Amino acid sequence: MKSHFFAYISRMRFIQRWALMRNTAPENVQEHSHQVAVLAHALAVIRNEKFSGTIDPGAVAVAALYHDASEILTGDMPTPIKYDNPAIQHAYKEVEAVAEKKLLHMLPQELQSVYAPILTHADPEVERLVKAADKLSAYIKCVEELKAGNTEFREAAAQTRKALEGYGLPEVDYFLDAFMDSFSLTLDELK
């Protein structure tokens, strides 16, 4: 059987994010997914090492790598539209679910049971950390755009920071306290 799954996955790099905003540095879904995987892994490690958690950081990182895979088929819907009202949000979740199933069925049958929980985020704690990492990635993007002088991201940065602080996840608070300020620094200041 021939499978198009990984050929589709490689097309994540063609899906642009932040479509409604002027960007100083464009970002695609593949770049974003990598960053979310790194951040989700870090959040899982922080949870385990600082807060006595028992979550598998590898499973969290893998789920994060694929968290936006459905956007290969749906495109990236801008957040202000996606979350504008419950009807749109519900409809988009249904579209995402259809896209996830379509991607899953591109795999050979013998691999589908392995990828099903990865593509559909079956474990709620894994999903929670991936969602937090996704929001953290958005916040980092906002901070980097502001650092580049792009005030277009000022309100998004404030709203995203507030959302992160409201998650009630100590590993997110730890990350914000220990690591976030570095994203505002220049390369020379990071020395």
Protein backbone atom coordinates (compact mmCIF):
# COMPACT_ATOMS: atom_id res chain seq x y z
CA MET A 1 0.00 0.00 0.00
CA LYS A 2 1.23 3.48 -0.88
CA SER A 3 0.63 6.14 1.75
CA HIS A 4 0.55 9.92 1.34
CA PHE A 5 0.55 10.63 5.11
CA PHE A 6 4.13 11.85 5.48
CA ALA A 7 4.04 13.75 2.20
CA TYR A 8 1.08 15.66 3.61
CA ILE A 9 2.83 16.18 6.97
CA SER A 10 5.82 17.70 5.16
CA ARG A 11 3.46 20.32 3.71
CA MET A 12 3.01 21.92 7.13
CA ARG A 13 5.75 24.30 6.05
CA PHE A 14 3.43 25.84 3.45
CA ILE A 15 0.70 26.81 5.94
CA GLN A 16 1.32 30.35 7.19
CA ARG A 17 0.25 31.49 10.64
CA TRP A 18 -0.92 34.91 11.86
CA ALA A 19 -2.64 35.65 8.55
CA LEU A 20 -4.54 38.71 9.77
CA MET A 21 -1.51 40.43 11.28
CA ARG A 22 1.52 42.13 9.77
CA ASN A 23 4.57 40.03 10.68
CA THR A 24 8.22 41.04 10.76
CA ALA A 25 9.11 37.32 10.65
CA PRO A 26 6.63 34.99 8.96
CA GLU A 27 5.90 31.74 10.77
CA ASN A 28 4.61 28.51 9.28
CA VAL A 29 2.87 25.58 10.96
CA GLN A 30 5.93 23.33 10.75
CA GLU A 31 8.12 25.88 12.58
CA HIS A 32 5.38 26.49 15.09
CA SER A 33 4.84 22.76 15.70
CA HIS A 34 8.53 22.25 16.39
CA GLN A 35 8.54 25.11 18.89
CA VAL A 36 5.38 23.81 20.57
CA ALA A 37 6.98 20.35 20.85
CA VAL A 38 10.09 21.83 22.50
CA LEU A 39 7.96 23.89 24.90
CA ALA A 40 5.53 21.05 25.68
CA HIS A 41 8.44 18.75 26.43
CA ALA A 42 9.90 21.41 28.73
CA LEU A 43 6.58 21.88 30.53
CA ALA A 44 6.32 18.11 31.08
CA VAL A 45 9.90 17.97 32.41
CA ILE A 46 9.24 20.94 34.70
CA ARG A 47 6.05 19.29 35.96
CA ASN A 48 7.90 16.06 36.73
CA GLU A 49 11.05 17.59 38.22
CA LYS A 50 9.62 20.57 40.12
CA PHE A 51 6.05 19.54 40.90
CA SER A 52 6.19 15.73 41.37
CA GLY A 53 4.43 14.95 38.09
CA THR A 54 4.52 11.61 36.29
CA ILE A 55 3.70 12.55 32.71
CA ASP A 56 5.76 11.16 29.80
CA PRO A 57 7.63 14.14 28.25
CA GLY A 58 8.20 12.16 25.04
CA ALA A 59 4.49 11.51 24.57
CA VAL A 60 3.78 15.20 25.18
CA ALA A 61 6.43 16.27 22.65
CA VAL A 62 5.11 13.89 19.98
CA ALA A 63 1.52 15.06 20.49
CA ALA A 64 2.75 18.64 20.14
CA LEU A 65 4.55 17.85 16.87
CA TYR A 66 1.22 16.77 15.37
CA HIS A 67 -1.12 19.14 17.24
CA ASP A 68 -1.84 21.26 14.14
CA ALA A 69 -1.53 18.50 11.53
CA SER A 70 -5.18 18.93 10.55
CA GLU A 71 -4.30 22.44 9.29
CA ILE A 72 -2.59 20.81 6.31
CA LEU A 73 -6.12 20.13 5.07
CA THR A 74 -8.03 23.00 6.72
CA GLY A 75 -5.51 25.85 6.73
CA ASP A 76 -4.88 27.98 9.80
CA MET A 77 -7.96 29.85 10.92
CA PRO A 78 -7.06 33.09 12.74
CA THR A 79 -7.76 32.97 16.48
CA PRO A 80 -10.07 36.02 16.54
CA ILE A 81 -12.35 34.28 14.05
CA LYS A 82 -11.99 30.72 15.38
CA TYR A 83 -13.01 31.76 18.91
CA ASP A 84 -15.38 34.60 18.00
CA ASN A 85 -18.50 32.65 18.93
CA PRO A 86 -19.36 29.14 20.13
CA ALA A 87 -21.00 28.12 16.83
CA ILE A 88 -17.87 28.89 14.79
CA GLN A 89 -15.67 27.24 17.41
CA HIS A 90 -17.81 24.08 17.43
CA ALA A 91 -17.99 23.93 13.63
CA TYR A 92 -14.22 24.36 13.32
CA LYS A 93 -13.61 21.58 15.87
CA GLU A 94 -15.79 19.30 13.72
CA VAL A 95 -13.83 20.26 10.60
CA GLU A 96 -10.56 19.56 12.45
CA ALA A 97 -11.86 16.14 13.55
CA VAL A 98 -12.76 15.23 9.97
CA ALA A 99 -9.31 16.35 8.78
CA GLU A 100 -7.59 14.34 11.54
CA LYS A 101 -9.52 11.21 10.53
CA LYS A 102 -8.67 11.79 6.88
CA LEU A 103 -4.98 12.05 7.75
CA LEU A 104 -5.18 8.97 9.97
CA HIS A 105 -6.76 6.92 7.18
CA MET A 106 -3.87 7.85 4.88
CA LEU A 107 -1.67 5.62 7.01
CA PRO A 108 -1.40 1.88 6.47
CA GLN A 109 -3.88 0.05 8.70
CA GLU A 110 -1.11 -1.42 10.87
CA LEU A 111 0.09 2.08 11.86
CA GLN A 112 -3.27 3.72 12.48
CA SER A 113 -3.66 2.51 16.08
CA VAL A 114 -0.29 4.08 16.96
CA TYR A 115 -1.07 7.43 15.35
CA ALA A 116 -4.74 7.70 16.37
CA PRO A 117 -4.08 8.99 19.92
CA ILE A 118 -1.32 11.28 18.61
CA LEU A 119 -3.55 12.93 16.00
CA THR A 120 -6.63 13.14 18.23
CA HIS A 121 -5.00 14.06 21.58
CA ALA A 122 -6.68 11.26 23.53
CA ASP A 123 -4.96 11.85 26.92
CA PRO A 124 -6.44 14.97 28.59
CA GLU A 125 -3.28 15.82 30.56
CA VAL A 126 -1.13 15.56 27.43
CA GLU A 127 -3.64 17.75 25.61
CA ARG A 128 -3.59 20.28 28.45
CA LEU A 129 0.19 20.63 28.31
CA VAL A 130 0.19 20.86 24.51
CA LYS A 131 -2.47 23.57 24.68
CA ALA A 132 -0.39 25.48 27.23
CA ALA A 133 2.72 25.11 25.06
CA ASP A 134 0.73 26.28 22.02
CA LYS A 135 -0.32 29.41 23.92
CA LEU A 136 3.24 29.89 25.16
CA SER A 137 4.48 29.70 21.56
CA ALA A 138 1.97 32.37 20.59
CA TYR A 139 3.17 34.56 23.45
CA ILE A 140 6.79 34.12 22.39
CA LYS A 141 5.83 35.15 18.85
CA CYS A 142 4.14 38.28 20.22
CA VAL A 143 7.17 39.17 22.36
CA GLU A 144 9.54 38.67 19.43
CA GLU A 145 7.38 40.83 17.15
CA LEU A 146 7.24 43.57 19.79
CA LYS A 147 11.02 43.35 20.18
CA ALA A 148 11.26 43.96 16.42
CA GLY A 149 9.16 47.12 16.82
CA ASN A 150 5.90 45.64 15.51
CA THR A 151 3.22 47.14 17.76
CA GLU A 152 0.58 45.15 15.84
CA PHE A 153 1.19 42.40 18.44
CA ARG A 154 0.82 44.54 21.59
CA GLU A 155 -2.78 43.59 22.41
CA ALA A 156 -2.26 39.96 21.42
CA ALA A 157 0.75 39.80 23.78
CA ALA A 158 -1.26 41.21 26.71
CA GLN A 159 -4.22 38.88 26.10
CA THR A 160 -1.99 35.84 25.63
CA ARG A 161 0.04 36.55 28.78
CA LYS A 162 -3.19 36.93 30.77
CA ALA A 163 -4.48 33.62 29.38
CA LEU A 164 -1.22 31.87 30.32
CA GLU A 165 -1.34 33.26 33.85
CA GLY A 166 -4.94 32.04 34.14
CA TYR A 167 -4.14 28.42 33.24
CA GLY A 168 -3.37 27.52 36.85
CA LEU A 169 -0.48 25.31 35.76
CA PRO A 170 2.58 25.74 38.00
CA GLU A 171 4.88 24.54 35.21
CA VAL A 172 3.65 27.40 33.00
CA ASP A 173 4.19 29.92 35.79
CA TYR A 174 7.68 28.49 36.35
CA PHE A 175 8.50 28.78 32.62
CA LEU A 176 7.25 32.37 32.50
CA ASP A 177 9.35 33.27 35.54
CA ALA A 178 12.53 31.36 34.66
CA PHE A 179 12.73 31.60 30.87
CA MET A 180 10.38 34.16 29.35
CA ASP A 181 12.41 37.34 29.90
CA SER A 182 15.20 35.95 27.70
CA PHE A 183 12.97 36.16 24.63
CA SER A 184 13.03 39.97 24.93
CA LEU A 185 16.82 40.13 24.79
CA THR A 186 19.09 40.62 21.79
CA LEU A 187 21.68 38.00 20.88
CA ASP A 188 24.45 40.08 22.50
CA GLU A 189 22.39 40.39 25.70
CA LEU A 190 21.98 36.61 25.89
CA LYS A 191 25.72 36.15 26.52
